[in-house]
């Protein structure tokens, strides 16, 4: 009987950890989706704006667009044209999340990590080449 209880406990613990990892993975993919979509439109990329994780700008049908991404605690938020930031992802591991712009290569590299309380971390690296005529730093 004790062997069966131990086996069931292991199965339940493993299932819980897998569910937590799936939640983390969905958070990473959601963040990657939004950043990739905006970065593909960007004509300007800024990773050095104080208090801002990433800032992207472009002109769309004669309208200037600006998207800012903020990391606040363990959440990633997105603000379009300085509107109230909306939640994009949570459980972000800030020590493993970064954003770097390489102007010579015209490449944005974003590393995103998320972890729910179980400690299992989901991570993804995104390499994005925005449309031509980029400026920024």
C-alpha atoms as a PDB file:
ATOM      1  CA  UNK A   1       0.000   0.000   0.000  1.00  0.00           C
ATOM      2  CA  UNK A   2       2.818   2.435   0.865  1.00  0.00           C
ATOM      3  CA  UNK A   3       4.415   1.839  -2.559  1.00  0.00           C
ATOM      4  CA  UNK A   4       1.140   2.811  -4.272  1.00  0.00           C
ATOM      5  CA  UNK A   5       0.839   5.969  -2.164  1.00  0.00           C
ATOM      6  CA  UNK A   6       4.419   6.940  -3.029  1.00  0.00           C
ATOM      7  CA  UNK A   7       3.807   6.315  -6.745  1.00  0.00           C
ATOM      8  CA  UNK A   8       0.611   8.391  -6.714  1.00  0.00           C
ATOM      9  CA  UNK A   9       2.421  11.208  -4.890  1.00  0.00           C
ATOM     10  CA  UNK A  10       5.170  11.238  -7.512  1.00  0.00           C
ATOM     11  CA  UNK A  11       2.635  11.257 -10.341  1.00  0.00           C
ATOM     12  CA  UNK A  12       0.695  14.148  -8.792  1.00  0.00           C
ATOM     13  CA  UNK A  13       3.876  16.165  -8.135  1.00  0.00           C
ATOM     14  CA  UNK A  14       5.121  15.596 -11.687  1.00  0.00           C
ATOM     15  CA  UNK A  15       1.735  16.557 -13.125  1.00  0.00           C
ATOM     16  CA  UNK A  16       1.704  19.770 -11.087  1.00  0.00           C
ATOM     17  CA  UNK A  17       5.236  20.672 -12.201  1.00  0.00           C
ATOM     18  CA  UNK A  18       4.340  20.013 -15.839  1.00  0.00           C
ATOM     19  CA  UNK A  19       1.249  22.210 -15.539  1.00  0.00           C
ATOM     20  CA  UNK A  20       3.349  25.012 -14.033  1.00  0.00           C
ATOM     21  CA  UNK A  21       5.886  24.669 -16.838  1.00  0.00           C
ATOM     22  CA  UNK A  22       3.098  24.807 -19.447  1.00  0.00           C
ATOM     23  CA  UNK A  23       1.798  28.027 -17.868  1.00  0.00           C
ATOM     24  CA  UNK A  24       5.320  29.481 -17.964  1.00  0.00           C
ATOM     25  CA  UNK A  25       5.761  28.412 -21.575  1.00  0.00           C
ATOM     26  CA  UNK A  26       2.483  30.105 -22.577  1.00  0.00           C
ATOM     27  CA  UNK A  27       3.653  33.309 -20.869  1.00  0.00           C
ATOM     28  CA  UNK A  28       6.950  33.257 -22.784  1.00  0.00           C
ATOM     29  CA  UNK A  29       5.215  32.587 -26.103  1.00  0.00           C
ATOM     30  CA  UNK A  30       2.668  35.345 -25.525  1.00  0.00           C
ATOM     31  CA  UNK A  31       5.417  37.863 -24.763  1.00  0.00           C
ATOM     32  CA  UNK A  32       7.381  36.701 -27.800  1.00  0.00           C
ATOM     33  CA  UNK A  33       4.318  37.012 -30.041  1.00  0.00           C
ATOM     34  CA  UNK A  34       3.639  40.645 -29.113  1.00  0.00           C
ATOM     35  CA  UNK A  35       7.266  41.750 -29.233  1.00  0.00           C
ATOM     36  CA  UNK A  36       7.871  40.010 -32.562  1.00  0.00           C
ATOM     37  CA  UNK A  37       4.769  41.529 -34.187  1.00  0.00           C
ATOM     38  CA  UNK A  38       5.720  45.038 -33.066  1.00  0.00           C
ATOM     39  CA  UNK A  39       9.424  44.641 -33.870  1.00  0.00           C
ATOM     40  CA  UNK A  40       8.682  43.538 -37.427  1.00  0.00           C
ATOM     41  CA  UNK A  41       6.953  46.894 -37.989  1.00  0.00           C
ATOM     42  CA  UNK A  42       9.601  48.989 -36.238  1.00  0.00           C
ATOM     43  CA  UNK A  43      11.627  51.653 -37.975  1.00  0.00           C
ATOM     44  CA  UNK A  44      13.267  52.682 -34.698  1.00  0.00           C
ATOM     45  CA  UNK A  45      14.412  50.351 -31.937  1.00  0.00           C
ATOM     46  CA  UNK A  46      15.460  51.614 -28.503  1.00  0.00           C
ATOM     47  CA  UNK A  47      16.719  49.413 -25.698  1.00  0.00           C
ATOM     48  CA  UNK A  48      18.285  52.234 -23.688  1.00  0.00           C
ATOM     49  CA  UNK A  49      15.234  54.286 -22.655  1.00  0.00           C
ATOM     50  CA  UNK A  50      15.293  54.652 -18.836  1.00  0.00           C
ATOM     51  CA  UNK A  51      12.576  52.597 -17.144  1.00  0.00           C
ATOM     52  CA  UNK A  52      11.572  50.933 -20.428  1.00  0.00           C
ATOM     53  CA  UNK A  53      12.495  47.356 -21.360  1.00  0.00           C
ATOM     54  CA  UNK A  54      11.994  47.962 -25.100  1.00  0.00           C
ATOM     55  CA  UNK A  55      10.692  50.855 -27.201  1.00  0.00           C
ATOM     56  CA  UNK A  56       9.696  50.501 -30.850  1.00  0.00           C
ATOM     57  CA  UNK A  57       8.537  53.245 -33.218  1.00  0.00           C
ATOM     58  CA  UNK A  58       7.215  53.333 -36.764  1.00  0.00           C
ATOM     59  CA  UNK A  59       5.036  55.333 -39.131  1.00  0.00           C
ATOM     60  CA  UNK A  60       1.881  53.532 -40.238  1.00  0.00           C
ATOM     61  CA  UNK A  61      -0.429  55.208 -42.790  1.00  0.00           C
ATOM     62  CA  UNK A  62       0.888  58.649 -41.846  1.00  0.00           C
ATOM     63  CA  UNK A  63       0.410  58.014 -38.114  1.00  0.00           C
ATOM     64  CA  UNK A  64       3.330  57.719 -35.749  1.00  0.00           C
ATOM     65  CA  UNK A  65       3.138  54.576 -33.617  1.00  0.00           C
ATOM     66  CA  UNK A  66       5.085  53.923 -30.444  1.00  0.00           C
ATOM     67  CA  UNK A  67       5.094  50.772 -28.356  1.00  0.00           C
ATOM     68  CA  UNK A  68       6.832  50.526 -25.007  1.00  0.00           C
ATOM     69  CA  UNK A  69       7.375  47.363 -23.021  1.00  0.00           C
ATOM     70  CA  UNK A  70       7.851  47.587 -19.268  1.00  0.00           C
ATOM     71  CA  UNK A  71       8.953  44.989 -16.759  1.00  0.00           C
ATOM     72  CA  UNK A  72       7.298  45.717 -13.447  1.00  0.00           C
ATOM     73  CA  UNK A  73       8.139  43.184 -10.763  1.00  0.00           C
ATOM     74  CA  UNK A  74       7.583  39.867 -12.500  1.00  0.00           C
ATOM     75  CA  UNK A  75       5.162  41.153 -15.166  1.00  0.00           C
ATOM     76  CA  UNK A  76       5.710  42.339 -18.723  1.00  0.00           C
ATOM     77  CA  UNK A  77       3.368  45.094 -19.895  1.00  0.00           C
ATOM     78  CA  UNK A  78       2.819  46.750 -23.289  1.00  0.00           C
ATOM     79  CA  UNK A  79       1.754  50.336 -23.943  1.00  0.00           C
ATOM     80  CA  UNK A  80       0.685  51.493 -27.406  1.00  0.00           C
ATOM     81  CA  UNK A  81       1.036  55.251 -27.966  1.00  0.00           C
ATOM     82  CA  UNK A  82       1.439  55.912 -24.232  1.00  0.00           C
ATOM     83  CA  UNK A  83      -1.921  54.345 -23.318  1.00  0.00           C
ATOM     84  CA  UNK A  84      -2.279  52.509 -20.022  1.00  0.00           C
ATOM     85  CA  UNK A  85       0.046  49.483 -20.174  1.00  0.00           C
ATOM     86  CA  UNK A  86      -1.688  46.121 -20.530  1.00  0.00           C
ATOM     87  CA  UNK A  87      -0.446  42.831 -19.116  1.00  0.00           C
ATOM     88  CA  UNK A  88       1.339  40.679 -21.707  1.00  0.00           C
ATOM     89  CA  UNK A  89       3.023  38.067 -19.501  1.00  0.00           C
ATOM     90  CA  UNK A  90       3.599  37.302 -15.865  1.00  0.00           C
ATOM     91  CA  UNK A  91       5.947  35.196 -13.768  1.00  0.00           C
ATOM     92  CA  UNK A  92       8.843  36.758 -15.704  1.00  0.00           C
ATOM     93  CA  UNK A  93      12.301  35.858 -14.410  1.00  0.00           C
ATOM     94  CA  UNK A  94      13.962  39.249 -14.736  1.00  0.00           C
ATOM     95  CA  UNK A  95      17.513  37.926 -14.257  1.00  0.00           C
ATOM     96  CA  UNK A  96      17.100  35.755 -17.382  1.00  0.00           C
ATOM     97  CA  UNK A  97      15.114  38.240 -19.469  1.00  0.00           C
ATOM     98  CA  UNK A  98      16.977  40.673 -21.699  1.00  0.00           C
ATOM     99  CA  UNK A  99      16.686  42.753 -24.833  1.00  0.00           C
ATOM    100  CA  UNK A 100      19.593  43.789 -27.067  1.00  0.00           C
ATOM    101  CA  UNK A 101      19.641  45.765 -30.313  1.00  0.00           C
ATOM    102  CA  UNK A 102      22.504  45.248 -32.759  1.00  0.00           C
ATOM    103  CA  UNK A 103      22.324  48.177 -35.211  1.00  0.00           C
ATOM    104  CA  UNK A 104      25.112  46.947 -37.493  1.00  0.00           C
ATOM    105  CA  UNK A 105      23.282  43.665 -38.052  1.00  0.00           C
ATOM    106  CA  UNK A 106      19.808  45.235 -37.832  1.00  0.00           C
ATOM    107  CA  UNK A 107      18.847  42.527 -35.360  1.00  0.00           C
ATOM    108  CA  UNK A 108      16.890  42.564 -32.110  1.00  0.00           C
ATOM    109  CA  UNK A 109      17.570  39.681 -29.731  1.00  0.00           C
ATOM    110  CA  UNK A 110      15.111  39.142 -26.909  1.00  0.00           C
ATOM    111  CA  UNK A 111      15.492  36.467 -24.247  1.00  0.00           C
ATOM    112  CA  UNK A 112      12.387  35.807 -22.163  1.00  0.00           C
ATOM    113  CA  UNK A 113      12.103  33.496 -19.162  1.00  0.00           C
ATOM    114  CA  UNK A 114       9.114  32.675 -16.998  1.00  0.00           C
ATOM    115  CA  UNK A 115       8.752  30.445 -13.971  1.00  0.00           C
ATOM    116  CA  UNK A 116       5.804  29.583 -11.765  1.00  0.00           C
ATOM    117  CA  UNK A 117       6.481  28.741  -8.119  1.00  0.00           C
ATOM    118  CA  UNK A 118       7.697  25.184  -8.852  1.00  0.00           C
ATOM    119  CA  UNK A 119      11.017  26.531 -10.078  1.00  0.00           C
ATOM    120  CA  UNK A 120      10.908  24.969 -13.543  1.00  0.00           C
ATOM    121  CA  UNK A 121      11.729  27.751 -15.997  1.00  0.00           C
ATOM    122  CA  UNK A 122      10.557  28.139 -19.592  1.00  0.00           C
ATOM    123  CA  UNK A 123      12.848  30.264 -21.773  1.00  0.00           C
ATOM    124  CA  UNK A 124      12.934  31.344 -25.392  1.00  0.00           C
ATOM    125  CA  UNK A 125      15.315  33.415 -27.493  1.00  0.00           C
ATOM    126  CA  UNK A 126      13.802  35.545 -30.255  1.00  0.00           C
ATOM    127  CA  UNK A 127      15.954  37.003 -33.052  1.00  0.00           C
ATOM    128  CA  UNK A 128      14.005  39.607 -34.991  1.00  0.00           C
ATOM    129  CA  UNK A 129      15.061  41.659 -38.006  1.00  0.00           C
ATOM    130  CA  UNK A 130      12.748  44.666 -38.250  1.00  0.00           C
ATOM    131  CA  UNK A 131      11.780  46.102 -41.605  1.00  0.00           C
ATOM    132  CA  UNK A 132      14.394  48.153 -43.486  1.00  0.00           C
ATOM    133  CA  UNK A 133      15.317  51.735 -42.652  1.00  0.00           C
ATOM    134  CA  UNK A 134      15.697  51.172 -38.891  1.00  0.00           C
ATOM    135  CA  UNK A 135      17.277  53.713 -36.668  1.00  0.00           C
ATOM    136  CA  UNK A 136      17.824  53.706 -32.928  1.00  0.00           C
ATOM    137  CA  UNK A 137      20.066  52.428 -30.225  1.00  0.00           C
END
